[in-house]
Amino acid sequence: MYDLPITNHAVLPVMTIEYAHLVMREHLDCPATICPVKAQAKRRLIEAGKLVPADVPHLGY
């Protein structure tokens, strides 16, 4: 955002779905395997059913 580097990657005590979406946008260049807050946001979105990882098998029927 504003071409400034992201400097805070700390995990939050509570993450809403809306904030998880914001984190995923702001930490676009961060790998979720390295960035703790992006990993937390990804888990939150998966738990809420808002994100289905590609490595999870999909049942098309």
N, C-alpha and C. Protein backbone atom coordinates (compact mmCIF):
# COMPACT_ATOMS: atom_id res chain seq x y z
N MET A 1 0.84 -1.17 0.00
CA MET A 1 0.00 0.00 0.00
C MET A 1 0.89 1.23 0.00
N TYR A 2 0.66 2.15 -0.87
CA TYR A 2 1.45 3.36 -1.02
C TYR A 2 2.92 3.07 -1.31
N ASP A 3 3.20 1.89 -1.84
CA ASP A 3 4.55 1.46 -2.19
C ASP A 3 5.51 1.45 -1.00
N LEU A 4 4.98 1.36 0.20
CA LEU A 4 5.82 1.23 1.40
C LEU A 4 5.93 -0.24 1.74
N PRO A 5 7.11 -0.67 2.18
CA PRO A 5 7.26 -2.08 2.54
C PRO A 5 6.46 -2.43 3.80
N ILE A 6 5.93 -3.63 3.83
CA ILE A 6 5.22 -4.12 5.00
C ILE A 6 6.25 -4.41 6.08
N THR A 7 6.03 -3.87 7.27
CA THR A 7 7.02 -4.06 8.33
C THR A 7 6.49 -4.88 9.50
N ASN A 8 5.16 -5.01 9.62
CA ASN A 8 4.61 -5.74 10.75
C ASN A 8 4.04 -7.07 10.28
N HIS A 9 4.63 -8.16 10.73
CA HIS A 9 4.19 -9.49 10.35
C HIS A 9 3.74 -10.29 11.57
N ALA A 10 3.48 -9.60 12.69
CA ALA A 10 3.12 -10.27 13.94
C ALA A 10 1.69 -10.81 13.90
N VAL A 11 1.49 -11.96 14.54
CA VAL A 11 0.18 -12.57 14.65
C VAL A 11 -0.71 -11.71 15.55
N LEU A 12 -1.99 -11.65 15.24
CA LEU A 12 -2.95 -10.87 16.01
C LEU A 12 -3.73 -11.77 16.98
N PRO A 13 -4.16 -11.23 18.12
CA PRO A 13 -4.93 -12.05 19.06
C PRO A 13 -6.28 -12.48 18.49
N VAL A 14 -6.92 -11.58 17.73
CA VAL A 14 -8.22 -11.87 17.10
C VAL A 14 -8.17 -11.33 15.68
N MET A 15 -8.65 -12.14 14.72
CA MET A 15 -8.68 -11.69 13.35
C MET A 15 -10.07 -11.91 12.77
N THR A 16 -10.68 -10.82 12.31
CA THR A 16 -11.98 -10.93 11.67
C THR A 16 -11.79 -11.38 10.22
N ILE A 17 -12.86 -11.83 9.62
CA ILE A 17 -12.79 -12.24 8.21
C ILE A 17 -12.44 -11.04 7.34
N GLU A 18 -13.01 -9.89 7.63
CA GLU A 18 -12.73 -8.68 6.84
C GLU A 18 -11.26 -8.30 6.93
N TYR A 19 -10.69 -8.39 8.15
CA TYR A 19 -9.28 -8.05 8.31
C TYR A 19 -8.39 -9.10 7.66
N ALA A 20 -8.82 -10.34 7.67
CA ALA A 20 -8.05 -11.40 7.00
C ALA A 20 -7.95 -11.12 5.51
N HIS A 21 -9.04 -10.65 4.91
CA HIS A 21 -9.01 -10.27 3.49
C HIS A 21 -8.02 -9.13 3.26
N LEU A 22 -8.03 -8.14 4.16
CA LEU A 22 -7.11 -7.01 4.05
C LEU A 22 -5.66 -7.47 4.16
N VAL A 23 -5.38 -8.35 5.11
CA VAL A 23 -4.02 -8.88 5.28
C VAL A 23 -3.56 -9.61 4.03
N MET A 24 -4.44 -10.41 3.45
CA MET A 24 -4.08 -11.15 2.24
C MET A 24 -3.73 -10.20 1.09
N ARG A 25 -4.43 -9.06 1.02
CA ARG A 25 -4.12 -8.07 -0.02
C ARG A 25 -2.82 -7.33 0.28
N GLU A 26 -2.66 -6.90 1.53
CA GLU A 26 -1.48 -6.10 1.89
C GLU A 26 -0.20 -6.93 1.90
N HIS A 27 -0.29 -8.19 2.22
CA HIS A 27 0.89 -9.07 2.29
C HIS A 27 0.97 -9.96 1.06
N LEU A 28 0.56 -9.43 -0.07
CA LEU A 28 0.51 -10.18 -1.32
C LEU A 28 1.86 -10.80 -1.67
N ASP A 29 2.94 -10.08 -1.44
CA ASP A 29 4.27 -10.57 -1.80
C ASP A 29 4.90 -11.46 -0.73
N CYS A 30 4.28 -11.56 0.44
CA CYS A 30 4.82 -12.39 1.52
C CYS A 30 4.39 -13.84 1.32
N PRO A 31 5.31 -14.79 1.41
CA PRO A 31 4.90 -16.20 1.39
C PRO A 31 4.22 -16.55 2.72
N ALA A 32 3.10 -17.24 2.67
CA ALA A 32 2.37 -17.62 3.89
C ALA A 32 3.19 -18.57 4.76
N THR A 33 4.16 -19.24 4.16
CA THR A 33 5.01 -20.16 4.93
C THR A 33 6.02 -19.40 5.79
N ILE A 34 6.24 -18.12 5.50
CA ILE A 34 7.22 -17.32 6.23
C ILE A 34 6.57 -16.20 7.04
N CYS A 35 5.48 -15.63 6.54
CA CYS A 35 4.81 -14.49 7.17
C CYS A 35 3.73 -14.98 8.14
N PRO A 36 3.93 -14.81 9.45
CA PRO A 36 2.97 -15.33 10.43
C PRO A 36 1.56 -14.75 10.30
N VAL A 37 1.45 -13.45 10.03
CA VAL A 37 0.12 -12.85 9.95
C VAL A 37 -0.61 -13.29 8.68
N LYS A 38 0.12 -13.50 7.59
CA LYS A 38 -0.53 -13.99 6.37
C LYS A 38 -0.98 -15.44 6.56
N ALA A 39 -0.18 -16.23 7.25
CA ALA A 39 -0.57 -17.61 7.54
C ALA A 39 -1.81 -17.63 8.42
N GLN A 40 -1.88 -16.72 9.41
CA GLN A 40 -3.05 -16.62 10.27
C GLN A 40 -4.28 -16.22 9.45
N ALA A 41 -4.12 -15.25 8.56
CA ALA A 41 -5.23 -14.80 7.73
C ALA A 41 -5.71 -15.93 6.82
N LYS A 42 -4.79 -16.67 6.26
CA LYS A 42 -5.15 -17.79 5.38
C LYS A 42 -5.94 -18.85 6.16
N ARG A 43 -5.45 -19.19 7.36
CA ARG A 43 -6.17 -20.16 8.20
C ARG A 43 -7.57 -19.67 8.55
N ARG A 44 -7.69 -18.38 8.86
CA ARG A 44 -8.98 -17.79 9.23
C ARG A 44 -9.96 -17.88 8.06
N LEU A 45 -9.49 -17.59 6.86
CA LEU A 45 -10.36 -17.65 5.69
C LEU A 45 -10.74 -19.08 5.33
N ILE A 46 -9.82 -20.01 5.54
CA ILE A 46 -10.13 -21.43 5.30
C ILE A 46 -11.17 -21.91 6.31
N GLU A 47 -10.98 -21.55 7.59
CA GLU A 47 -11.94 -21.94 8.62
C GLU A 47 -13.33 -21.39 8.35
N ALA A 48 -13.39 -20.16 7.80
CA ALA A 48 -14.67 -19.52 7.52
C ALA A 48 -15.29 -20.01 6.21
N GLY A 49 -14.56 -20.83 5.46
CA GLY A 49 -15.07 -21.33 4.18
C GLY A 49 -14.98 -20.30 3.07
N LYS A 50 -14.19 -19.26 3.27
CA LYS A 50 -14.02 -18.21 2.26
C LYS A 50 -12.87 -18.49 1.31
N LEU A 51 -12.03 -19.46 1.66
CA LEU A 51 -10.88 -19.82 0.84
C LEU A 51 -10.73 -21.32 0.85
N VAL A 52 -10.60 -21.88 -0.33
CA VAL A 52 -10.37 -23.32 -0.46
C VAL A 52 -9.02 -23.49 -1.12
N PRO A 53 -8.02 -23.99 -0.37
CA PRO A 53 -6.68 -24.15 -0.95
C PRO A 53 -6.70 -25.14 -2.12
N ALA A 54 -5.85 -24.92 -3.07
CA ALA A 54 -5.80 -25.78 -4.26
C ALA A 54 -5.33 -27.18 -3.93
N ASP A 55 -4.61 -27.35 -2.80
CA ASP A 55 -4.12 -28.68 -2.49
C ASP A 55 -5.16 -29.55 -1.79
N VAL A 56 -6.36 -29.00 -1.54
CA VAL A 56 -7.46 -29.77 -0.97
C VAL A 56 -8.28 -30.36 -2.12
N PRO A 57 -8.54 -31.66 -2.13
CA PRO A 57 -9.33 -32.24 -3.21
C PRO A 57 -10.74 -31.65 -3.27
N HIS A 58 -11.18 -31.39 -4.46
CA HIS A 58 -12.51 -30.84 -4.68
C HIS A 58 -13.43 -31.93 -5.18
N LEU A 59 -14.61 -32.01 -4.61
CA LEU A 59 -15.60 -32.95 -5.08
C LEU A 59 -16.59 -32.18 -5.97
N GLY A 60 -16.58 -32.50 -7.22
CA GLY A 60 -17.42 -31.78 -8.16
C GLY A 60 -18.82 -32.32 -8.30
N TYR A 61 -19.23 -33.19 -7.41
CA TYR A 61 -20.59 -33.74 -7.49
C TYR A 61 -21.21 -33.82 -6.13
